[in-house]
């Protein structure tokens, strides 16, 4: 429960920062061009607000519905649907009275702020923490393959050489590269032989849905973590901190060999030899039909002592181009992910997630390094999503403005009104679909 609250707090803080900055982008350009801003709100405030105060012409407040935020700009058809104000003659301080390029900059202000903020965060993160990665060549004992990795043809102990014959320096970028680039093959070293593992469209669909695919192979050196209530581990008397030594008198070199042994003995009784408080102890347990015992694994230091990470540190001036480059690459990668959603072959749309999925990208403990990295990524997501040419989003307004600039004709207020309603329906449908996916995944996970 504590982890859930920490994730929720990080998500709420991150989104609050991003929404305020996004709306400030609109606000700043509106004030620059002497356009009246009636409201500036964090979160939406249908019927009532949690807090509000007026400064000059603008009411600042916090709504109760945490689905974003808004600035209400005079003379603009937006989510407020203020038809009465739009029926009156345009005033000099209104949005509709401004020149097309001014209205364009007002609408792009939020997106520009999100992109700039993401780049600033990446610069700061690289300057403060540098970047650490695991070189692929340092995964000396090959990979441990999870269920999806096995389904696409990878095996425990495979040493990954390349993806489509291109070497990937960072081990953690291997699977993202396969997915985002639509790779056709993975080259591995298996039992001393180079093998091509072919990746089909069906394989890509599996990879997109999976959170765990491969990991570095670790030695058999671990202890029991949290014991699940009612599990076989609890029934057998296994305790948190018990250090595993052997099963049925058999020892293992790698952890995945132990996991496979349990799978092979599903439903059977086994003898576990563990070290508890320095004393050897035998425990009789029954493996579940799923091939598990029901406890989380806490790896000891020696399990991964051979993994040598590389750390790159940046001076202040070095961090600027490096941070911008990282931001640009993140934008490119997200656009590639977005493209996958519209590919029927990969069925990436089935993996579309809502607030639960977004919250789960944050760690269960408060870590500022991870928080700022995730906030930068969410800032880019917010910017890209707002550029979609959907009425009710910034991109929809920009599309109509570009039409006006090119054609010299301004869309009618009635058309804009209907377009706004249509856009809101589309957005509501997407929100319901994404969060519905989250609920379905939770149901499948626990039932």
Protein backbone atom coordinates (compact mmCIF):
# COMPACT_ATOMS: atom_id res chain seq x y z
CA UNK A 1 0.00 0.00 0.00
CA UNK A 2 2.86 2.34 0.85
CA UNK A 3 4.38 1.82 -2.61
CA UNK A 4 1.05 2.64 -4.27
CA UNK A 5 0.79 5.89 -2.31
CA UNK A 6 4.35 6.88 -3.19
CA UNK A 7 3.72 6.19 -6.89
CA UNK A 8 0.47 8.17 -6.75
CA UNK A 9 2.18 11.10 -5.01
CA UNK A 10 4.96 11.18 -7.61
CA UNK A 11 2.45 11.03 -10.46
CA UNK A 12 0.32 13.82 -8.97
CA UNK A 13 3.34 16.08 -8.35
CA UNK A 14 4.78 15.41 -11.81
CA UNK A 15 1.52 16.07 -13.65
CA UNK A 16 0.84 19.17 -11.55
CA UNK A 17 4.21 20.67 -12.50
CA UNK A 18 3.72 19.82 -16.18
CA UNK A 19 0.16 21.10 -16.39
CA UNK A 20 1.03 24.41 -14.72
CA UNK A 21 4.01 24.91 -17.04
CA UNK A 22 1.97 23.94 -20.11
CA UNK A 23 -0.80 26.39 -19.28
CA UNK A 24 1.76 29.05 -18.38
CA UNK A 25 3.07 28.76 -21.95
CA UNK A 26 -0.37 29.73 -23.28
CA UNK A 27 -0.70 32.39 -20.59
CA UNK A 28 2.68 34.00 -21.31
CA UNK A 29 2.07 34.41 -25.06
CA UNK A 30 -1.48 35.63 -24.43
CA UNK A 31 -0.22 38.36 -22.12
CA UNK A 32 2.62 39.16 -24.53
CA UNK A 33 0.04 39.96 -27.21
CA UNK A 34 -2.21 41.80 -24.71
CA UNK A 35 -4.90 39.12 -24.75
CA UNK A 36 -7.09 38.85 -21.67
CA UNK A 37 -6.82 35.62 -19.67
CA UNK A 38 -9.92 35.12 -17.53
CA UNK A 39 -8.88 31.94 -15.69
CA UNK A 40 -5.70 29.98 -14.96
CA UNK A 41 -6.50 26.64 -13.32
CA UNK A 42 -4.62 23.54 -12.22
CA UNK A 43 -7.13 20.70 -12.67
CA UNK A 44 -10.69 21.21 -13.84
CA UNK A 45 -13.37 22.89 -11.74
CA UNK A 46 -16.87 21.84 -12.87
CA UNK A 47 -19.44 23.26 -10.40
CA UNK A 48 -16.85 24.28 -7.80
CA UNK A 49 -13.12 24.76 -7.14
CA UNK A 50 -10.91 23.83 -4.17
CA UNK A 51 -9.18 27.19 -4.19
CA UNK A 52 -9.38 30.42 -6.17
CA UNK A 53 -8.12 33.98 -6.01
CA UNK A 54 -8.26 36.90 -8.41
CA UNK A 55 -5.25 38.97 -9.42
CA UNK A 56 -5.97 41.70 -11.93
CA UNK A 57 -8.11 40.34 -14.75
CA UNK A 58 -7.26 36.69 -14.09
CA UNK A 59 -8.75 34.21 -11.64
CA UNK A 60 -6.19 31.65 -10.43
CA UNK A 61 -7.39 28.43 -8.89
CA UNK A 62 -7.18 24.70 -8.25
CA UNK A 63 -10.02 22.46 -9.42
CA UNK A 64 -11.12 19.15 -7.92
CA UNK A 65 -10.96 17.01 -11.07
CA UNK A 66 -7.29 16.03 -11.67
CA UNK A 67 -7.48 15.48 -15.43
CA UNK A 68 -5.28 18.38 -16.51
CA UNK A 69 -5.75 22.12 -16.33
CA UNK A 70 -6.64 25.10 -18.48
CA UNK A 71 -6.41 28.80 -19.14
CA UNK A 72 -9.61 30.50 -20.28
CA UNK A 73 -8.65 33.07 -22.90
CA UNK A 74 -11.21 35.73 -23.83
CA UNK A 75 -12.70 35.35 -27.29
CA UNK A 76 -11.65 31.74 -27.83
CA UNK A 77 -13.87 28.68 -28.28
CA UNK A 78 -12.47 26.16 -25.82
CA UNK A 79 -13.66 23.55 -23.33
CA UNK A 80 -15.64 26.22 -21.45
CA UNK A 81 -18.02 26.48 -24.47
CA UNK A 82 -18.84 30.10 -23.56
CA UNK A 83 -21.34 30.72 -26.39
CA UNK A 84 -22.70 33.94 -24.89
CA UNK A 85 -19.34 35.71 -25.02
CA UNK A 86 -18.71 34.50 -28.56
CA UNK A 87 -22.05 35.90 -29.76
CA UNK A 88 -20.95 39.46 -28.97
CA UNK A 89 -18.81 41.75 -31.11
CA UNK A 90 -15.05 40.97 -30.95
CA UNK A 91 -13.09 43.18 -28.55
CA UNK A 92 -9.44 44.29 -29.01
CA UNK A 93 -8.30 42.23 -26.00
CA UNK A 94 -9.86 38.99 -27.27
CA UNK A 95 -8.08 36.03 -28.86
CA UNK A 96 -10.24 36.18 -32.00
CA UNK A 97 -9.16 39.79 -32.62
CA UNK A 98 -5.47 38.95 -32.76
CA UNK A 99 -3.43 38.34 -35.90
CA UNK A 100 -3.17 34.70 -37.05
CA UNK A 101 0.54 34.36 -36.18
CA UNK A 102 -0.17 35.69 -32.67
CA UNK A 103 -2.99 33.20 -32.14
CA UNK A 104 -0.70 30.46 -33.47
CA UNK A 105 2.01 31.29 -30.93
CA UNK A 106 -0.55 31.48 -28.11
CA UNK A 107 -1.75 27.98 -29.01
CA UNK A 108 1.77 26.57 -29.39
CA UNK A 109 3.00 28.15 -26.16
CA UNK A 110 2.08 25.17 -23.99
CA UNK A 111 3.72 22.60 -26.24
CA UNK A 112 6.86 24.75 -26.57
CA UNK A 113 7.07 25.03 -22.78
CA UNK A 114 6.81 21.24 -22.36
CA UNK A 115 9.56 20.55 -24.89
CA UNK A 116 11.86 23.19 -23.39
CA UNK A 117 11.20 21.96 -19.85
CA UNK A 118 11.98 18.35 -20.81
CA UNK A 119 15.31 19.39 -22.34
CA UNK A 120 16.17 21.46 -19.24
CA UNK A 121 15.41 18.47 -17.00
CA UNK A 122 17.63 16.17 -19.07
CA UNK A 123 20.45 18.71 -18.94
CA UNK A 124 20.08 18.95 -15.15
CA UNK A 125 19.85 15.18 -14.68
CA UNK A 126 23.00 14.53 -16.72
CA UNK A 127 24.89 17.28 -14.89
CA UNK A 128 23.80 16.07 -11.42
CA UNK A 129 23.90 12.28 -11.88
CA UNK A 130 25.57 11.60 -15.21
CA UNK A 131 24.38 8.47 -16.98
CA UNK A 132 25.03 4.85 -16.12
CA UNK A 133 24.53 1.91 -18.45
CA UNK A 134 25.42 -1.77 -18.78
CA UNK A 135 27.55 -2.46 -21.87
CA UNK A 136 26.19 -5.43 -23.79
CA UNK A 137 29.66 -6.98 -23.92
CA UNK A 138 29.73 -7.00 -20.09
CA UNK A 139 26.77 -9.41 -19.88
CA UNK A 140 29.35 -12.17 -19.77
CA UNK A 141 27.14 -15.13 -18.89
CA UNK A 142 24.35 -14.41 -21.33
CA UNK A 143 20.74 -13.63 -20.65
CA UNK A 144 17.97 -14.94 -18.47
CA UNK A 145 14.82 -15.28 -20.58
CA UNK A 146 11.35 -14.50 -19.29
CA UNK A 147 8.19 -16.07 -20.73
CA UNK A 148 7.89 -13.70 -23.70
CA UNK A 149 11.58 -13.94 -24.54
CA UNK A 150 11.29 -17.72 -24.63
CA UNK A 151 8.17 -17.47 -26.84
CA UNK A 152 10.06 -15.52 -29.53
CA UNK A 153 12.92 -18.05 -29.61
CA UNK A 154 15.51 -16.77 -27.15
CA UNK A 155 17.08 -19.15 -24.63
CA UNK A 156 18.71 -18.87 -21.22
CA UNK A 157 22.44 -18.35 -21.66
CA UNK A 158 22.20 -16.73 -25.10
CA UNK A 159 24.74 -13.95 -25.53
CA UNK A 160 23.22 -11.20 -27.66
CA UNK A 161 25.59 -10.05 -30.38
CA UNK A 162 23.49 -7.65 -32.45
CA UNK A 163 20.03 -6.64 -33.67
CA UNK A 164 19.62 -6.86 -37.46
CA UNK A 165 23.43 -7.21 -37.47
CA UNK A 166 23.83 -3.85 -35.69
CA UNK A 167 25.69 -3.88 -32.36
CA UNK A 168 23.77 -2.25 -29.46
CA UNK A 169 26.17 -0.74 -26.93
CA UNK A 170 23.64 -0.41 -24.07
CA UNK A 171 22.14 -3.76 -22.99
CA UNK A 172 18.94 -2.07 -21.74
CA UNK A 173 18.30 -0.65 -25.21
CA UNK A 174 18.31 -4.01 -26.99
CA UNK A 175 14.60 -4.79 -26.64
CA UNK A 176 13.43 -1.18 -27.17
CA UNK A 177 15.49 -1.18 -30.38
CA UNK A 178 13.89 -4.45 -31.52
CA UNK A 179 10.39 -3.04 -30.89
CA UNK A 180 10.82 0.54 -32.13
CA UNK A 181 12.83 -0.35 -35.22
CA UNK A 182 10.69 -3.35 -36.10
CA UNK A 183 13.76 -5.60 -36.16
CA UNK A 184 13.59 -8.84 -38.13
CA UNK A 185 16.43 -10.74 -36.45
CA UNK A 186 18.47 -10.92 -33.26
CA UNK A 187 21.95 -12.44 -33.51
CA UNK A 188 22.99 -14.51 -30.49
CA UNK A 189 25.88 -16.73 -29.51
CA UNK A 190 24.41 -20.08 -28.41
CA UNK A 191 26.60 -23.01 -27.39
CA UNK A 192 29.52 -21.47 -29.28
CA UNK A 193 27.51 -21.00 -32.48
CA UNK A 194 26.11 -17.80 -33.97
CA UNK A 195 22.34 -18.12 -34.36
CA UNK A 196 19.80 -15.79 -36.02
CA UNK A 197 16.57 -15.54 -34.00
CA UNK A 198 13.87 -14.35 -36.39
CA UNK A 199 11.27 -11.82 -35.19
CA UNK A 200 7.82 -11.92 -36.79
CA UNK A 201 4.98 -9.39 -36.52
CA UNK A 202 3.32 -11.72 -34.02
CA UNK A 203 6.52 -11.70 -31.98
CA UNK A 204 6.55 -7.90 -32.00
CA UNK A 205 2.97 -7.89 -30.73
CA UNK A 206 4.04 -10.11 -27.82
CA UNK A 207 7.08 -7.93 -27.04
CA UNK A 208 5.00 -4.73 -26.97
CA UNK A 209 2.66 -6.21 -24.34
CA UNK A 210 5.46 -7.48 -22.09
CA UNK A 211 7.24 -5.59 -19.35
CA UNK A 212 9.89 -8.27 -18.75
CA UNK A 213 11.55 -10.01 -21.68
CA UNK A 214 15.23 -10.56 -20.93
CA UNK A 215 17.64 -9.69 -18.15
CA UNK A 216 21.32 -10.41 -17.45
CA UNK A 217 21.84 -13.96 -16.23
CA UNK A 218 22.50 -13.96 -12.47
CA UNK A 219 24.21 -16.50 -10.22
CA UNK A 220 22.23 -18.70 -7.83
CA UNK A 221 22.69 -16.43 -4.82
CA UNK A 222 19.48 -15.10 -3.31
CA UNK A 223 17.24 -15.09 -0.27
CA UNK A 224 13.49 -15.05 0.19
CA UNK A 225 11.91 -11.63 0.14
CA UNK A 226 8.22 -11.00 0.82
CA UNK A 227 6.23 -14.21 1.42
CA UNK A 228 2.81 -14.19 -0.22
CA UNK A 229 -0.08 -14.93 2.12
CA UNK A 230 -1.61 -18.37 1.62
CA UNK A 231 1.22 -19.40 -0.72
CA UNK A 232 3.07 -22.71 -0.71
CA UNK A 233 6.08 -20.89 0.72
CA UNK A 234 4.06 -19.68 3.74
CA UNK A 235 2.46 -23.09 4.25
CA UNK A 236 5.92 -24.70 4.24
CA UNK A 237 7.23 -22.23 6.84
CA UNK A 238 9.65 -20.34 4.60
CA UNK A 239 10.65 -17.01 6.14
CA UNK A 240 11.87 -13.73 4.76
CA UNK A 241 15.68 -13.72 4.72
CA UNK A 242 16.07 -17.47 4.24
CA UNK A 243 19.08 -17.93 1.95
CA UNK A 244 18.66 -20.73 -0.59
CA UNK A 245 21.42 -23.32 -0.87
CA UNK A 246 19.96 -26.34 -2.72
CA UNK A 247 16.76 -28.10 -3.83
CA UNK A 248 16.45 -31.86 -3.39
CA UNK A 249 20.18 -31.87 -2.75
CA UNK A 250 20.87 -30.22 -6.12
CA UNK A 251 22.72 -26.93 -6.43
CA UNK A 252 22.61 -24.54 -9.39
CA UNK A 253 24.99 -22.16 -11.07
CA UNK A 254 22.36 -19.67 -12.26
CA UNK A 255 19.05 -18.51 -10.80
CA UNK A 256 17.14 -19.32 -14.03
CA UNK A 257 18.17 -22.99 -13.61
CA UNK A 258 16.46 -22.97 -10.21
CA UNK A 259 13.31 -21.39 -11.73
CA UNK A 260 13.27 -24.02 -14.48
CA UNK A 261 13.66 -26.77 -11.88
CA UNK A 262 10.56 -25.54 -10.08
CA UNK A 263 8.65 -25.44 -13.37
CA UNK A 264 9.67 -29.06 -14.05
CA UNK A 265 8.43 -30.10 -10.59
CA UNK A 266 5.09 -28.28 -10.61
CA UNK A 267 2.64 -29.90 -8.18
CA UNK A 268 5.38 -31.99 -6.57
CA UNK A 269 6.90 -32.00 -3.11
CA UNK A 270 10.52 -30.79 -2.86
CA UNK A 271 13.10 -30.35 -0.14
CA UNK A 272 14.59 -26.87 0.24
CA UNK A 273 17.87 -26.39 2.04
CA UNK A 274 18.18 -22.82 3.33
CA UNK A 275 20.45 -20.88 5.66
CA UNK A 276 18.44 -19.17 8.42
CA UNK A 277 20.34 -16.99 10.88
CA UNK A 278 23.52 -18.87 9.95
CA UNK A 279 21.98 -22.27 10.60
CA UNK A 280 21.28 -24.82 7.84
CA UNK A 281 17.61 -25.85 7.71
CA UNK A 282 15.62 -28.29 5.52
CA UNK A 283 12.09 -27.28 4.53
CA UNK A 284 9.57 -29.54 2.83
CA UNK A 285 7.44 -27.59 0.33
CA UNK A 286 5.02 -28.28 -2.50
CA UNK A 287 5.48 -26.45 -5.79
CA UNK A 288 2.28 -24.84 -7.09
CA UNK A 289 0.71 -25.95 -10.36
CA UNK A 290 2.16 -22.75 -11.90
CA UNK A 291 5.68 -23.87 -10.97
CA UNK A 292 6.23 -21.33 -8.19
CA UNK A 293 6.46 -21.24 -4.40
CA UNK A 294 5.05 -17.76 -3.77
CA UNK A 295 7.80 -15.42 -2.58
CA UNK A 296 9.70 -12.47 -4.02
CA UNK A 297 13.41 -12.88 -4.70
CA UNK A 298 16.07 -10.72 -3.05
CA UNK A 299 19.36 -11.28 -4.89
CA UNK A 300 22.57 -11.22 -2.89
CA UNK A 301 25.47 -9.05 -3.99
CA UNK A 302 27.44 -11.98 -5.38
CA UNK A 303 24.60 -12.82 -7.78
CA UNK A 304 25.50 -9.86 -9.98
CA UNK A 305 29.01 -8.97 -8.82
CA UNK A 306 30.39 -9.66 -12.31
CA UNK A 307 28.19 -7.01 -13.97
CA UNK A 308 30.39 -3.99 -14.72
CA UNK A 309 28.43 -0.81 -15.38
CA UNK A 310 29.84 2.20 -17.18
CA UNK A 311 29.27 5.72 -15.86
CA UNK A 312 29.60 8.87 -17.95
CA UNK A 313 29.88 12.14 -16.01
CA UNK A 314 29.21 15.56 -17.54
CA UNK A 315 30.47 19.02 -16.73
CA UNK A 316 27.98 21.88 -16.90
CA UNK A 317 28.75 22.87 -20.49
CA UNK A 318 29.02 19.23 -21.60
CA UNK A 319 25.59 18.45 -20.14
CA UNK A 320 23.83 21.03 -22.36
CA UNK A 321 24.35 19.39 -25.79
CA UNK A 322 24.11 15.92 -24.20
CA UNK A 323 20.79 16.79 -22.55
CA UNK A 324 19.38 18.28 -25.76
CA UNK A 325 20.47 15.19 -27.70
CA UNK A 326 18.81 12.95 -25.14
CA UNK A 327 15.62 14.99 -25.38
CA UNK A 328 15.59 14.82 -29.18
CA UNK A 329 16.18 11.05 -29.12
CA UNK A 330 13.37 10.62 -26.60
CA UNK A 331 11.00 12.54 -28.88
CA UNK A 332 12.02 10.36 -31.84
CA UNK A 333 11.53 7.15 -29.84
CA UNK A 334 8.13 8.25 -28.58
CA UNK A 335 7.01 9.08 -32.11
CA UNK A 336 8.05 5.56 -33.13
CA UNK A 337 6.00 4.16 -30.23
CA UNK A 338 3.07 6.29 -31.29
CA UNK A 339 3.35 4.93 -34.83
CA UNK A 340 3.06 1.38 -33.49
CA UNK A 341 -0.37 2.17 -32.01
CA UNK A 342 -1.78 2.56 -35.52
CA UNK A 343 -0.25 -0.71 -36.75
CA UNK A 344 -2.91 -3.49 -36.79
CA UNK A 345 -0.17 -6.13 -37.09
CA UNK A 346 1.48 -5.34 -33.76
CA UNK A 347 -1.79 -4.64 -31.89
CA UNK A 348 0.02 -2.00 -29.84
CA UNK A 349 -3.31 -0.27 -29.20
CA UNK A 350 -4.15 -3.10 -26.81
CA UNK A 351 -1.28 -1.93 -24.59
CA UNK A 352 -2.53 1.66 -24.39
CA UNK A 353 -2.71 2.58 -20.71
CA UNK A 354 -4.28 5.24 -18.51
CA UNK A 355 -3.40 6.73 -15.14
CA UNK A 356 -2.58 3.38 -13.53
CA UNK A 357 -0.11 2.53 -16.30
CA UNK A 358 1.46 6.00 -16.09
CA UNK A 359 1.71 5.78 -12.31
CA UNK A 360 3.45 2.40 -12.53
CA UNK A 361 6.39 3.87 -14.45
CA UNK A 362 7.41 5.60 -11.21
CA UNK A 363 9.37 3.54 -8.65
CA UNK A 364 7.78 2.40 -5.39
CA UNK A 365 10.29 4.48 -3.41
CA UNK A 366 10.87 8.20 -3.70
CA UNK A 367 13.90 8.71 -5.90
CA UNK A 368 14.57 12.17 -7.34
CA UNK A 369 16.72 10.83 -10.18
CA UNK A 370 13.89 8.61 -11.41
CA UNK A 371 11.28 11.27 -10.68
CA UNK A 372 12.90 13.88 -12.90
CA UNK A 373 13.62 11.37 -15.67
CA UNK A 374 9.97 10.28 -15.67
CA UNK A 375 8.78 13.90 -15.50
CA UNK A 376 10.87 14.80 -18.55
CA UNK A 377 9.43 11.82 -20.42
CA UNK A 378 5.86 12.74 -19.44
CA UNK A 379 6.53 16.33 -20.52
CA UNK A 380 7.43 15.07 -23.99
CA UNK A 381 4.35 12.82 -24.05
CA UNK A 382 2.16 15.79 -23.09
CA UNK A 383 3.73 17.94 -25.82
CA UNK A 384 3.37 15.31 -28.56
CA UNK A 385 -0.19 14.39 -27.56
CA UNK A 386 -1.24 18.04 -27.59
CA UNK A 387 0.06 18.40 -31.13
CA UNK A 388 -2.39 15.81 -32.44
CA UNK A 389 -4.82 17.48 -34.89
CA UNK A 390 -7.84 16.73 -32.71
CA UNK A 391 -10.26 19.57 -31.93
CA UNK A 392 -10.12 20.43 -28.19
CA UNK A 393 -6.35 19.83 -28.24
CA UNK A 394 -3.78 22.49 -29.09
CA UNK A 395 -3.05 20.63 -32.32
CA UNK A 396 -6.67 20.98 -33.41
CA UNK A 397 -6.60 24.75 -32.92
CA UNK A 398 -3.24 24.93 -34.71
CA UNK A 399 -4.67 22.97 -37.68
CA UNK A 400 -7.53 25.43 -38.07
CA UNK A 401 -5.14 28.39 -37.72
CA UNK A 402 -2.83 27.00 -40.39
CA UNK A 403 -5.85 26.57 -42.67
CA UNK A 404 -6.74 30.21 -42.05
CA UNK A 405 -3.18 31.39 -42.76
CA UNK A 406 -2.95 29.39 -46.00
CA UNK A 407 -6.48 30.00 -47.32
CA UNK A 408 -7.05 33.47 -45.91
CA UNK A 409 -10.45 32.31 -44.59
CA UNK A 410 -11.29 31.89 -40.93
CA UNK A 411 -13.47 28.90 -39.90
CA UNK A 412 -16.86 30.03 -38.62
CA UNK A 413 -17.65 30.14 -34.90
CA UNK A 414 -20.43 27.56 -35.34
CA UNK A 415 -18.04 25.16 -37.06
CA UNK A 416 -15.46 25.68 -34.28
CA UNK A 417 -18.14 25.01 -31.68
CA UNK A 418 -19.14 21.69 -33.26
CA UNK A 419 -15.47 20.78 -33.80
CA UNK A 420 -14.76 21.44 -30.11
CA UNK A 421 -17.63 19.17 -29.03
CA UNK A 422 -16.45 16.43 -31.41
CA UNK A 423 -12.89 16.70 -30.11
CA UNK A 424 -14.04 16.46 -26.50
CA UNK A 425 -16.01 13.29 -27.32
CA UNK A 426 -12.94 11.77 -29.03
CA UNK A 427 -10.73 12.62 -26.05
CA UNK A 428 -13.23 11.24 -23.55
CA UNK A 429 -13.45 8.02 -25.57
CA UNK A 430 -9.65 7.67 -25.61
CA UNK A 431 -9.43 8.32 -21.85
CA UNK A 432 -12.12 5.73 -21.13
CA UNK A 433 -10.46 3.18 -23.46
CA UNK A 434 -6.98 3.67 -21.97
CA UNK A 435 -8.16 3.47 -18.36
CA UNK A 436 -10.45 0.57 -19.26
CA UNK A 437 -7.34 -1.28 -20.47
CA UNK A 438 -5.77 -0.64 -17.05
CA UNK A 439 -8.79 -2.13 -15.28
CA UNK A 440 -8.82 -5.21 -17.53
CA UNK A 441 -5.10 -5.78 -16.87
CA UNK A 442 -5.68 -5.56 -13.11
CA UNK A 443 -8.55 -8.06 -13.32
CA UNK A 444 -6.41 -10.47 -15.39
CA UNK A 445 -3.53 -10.05 -12.93
CA UNK A 446 -5.49 -10.94 -9.79
CA UNK A 447 -8.13 -13.30 -11.16
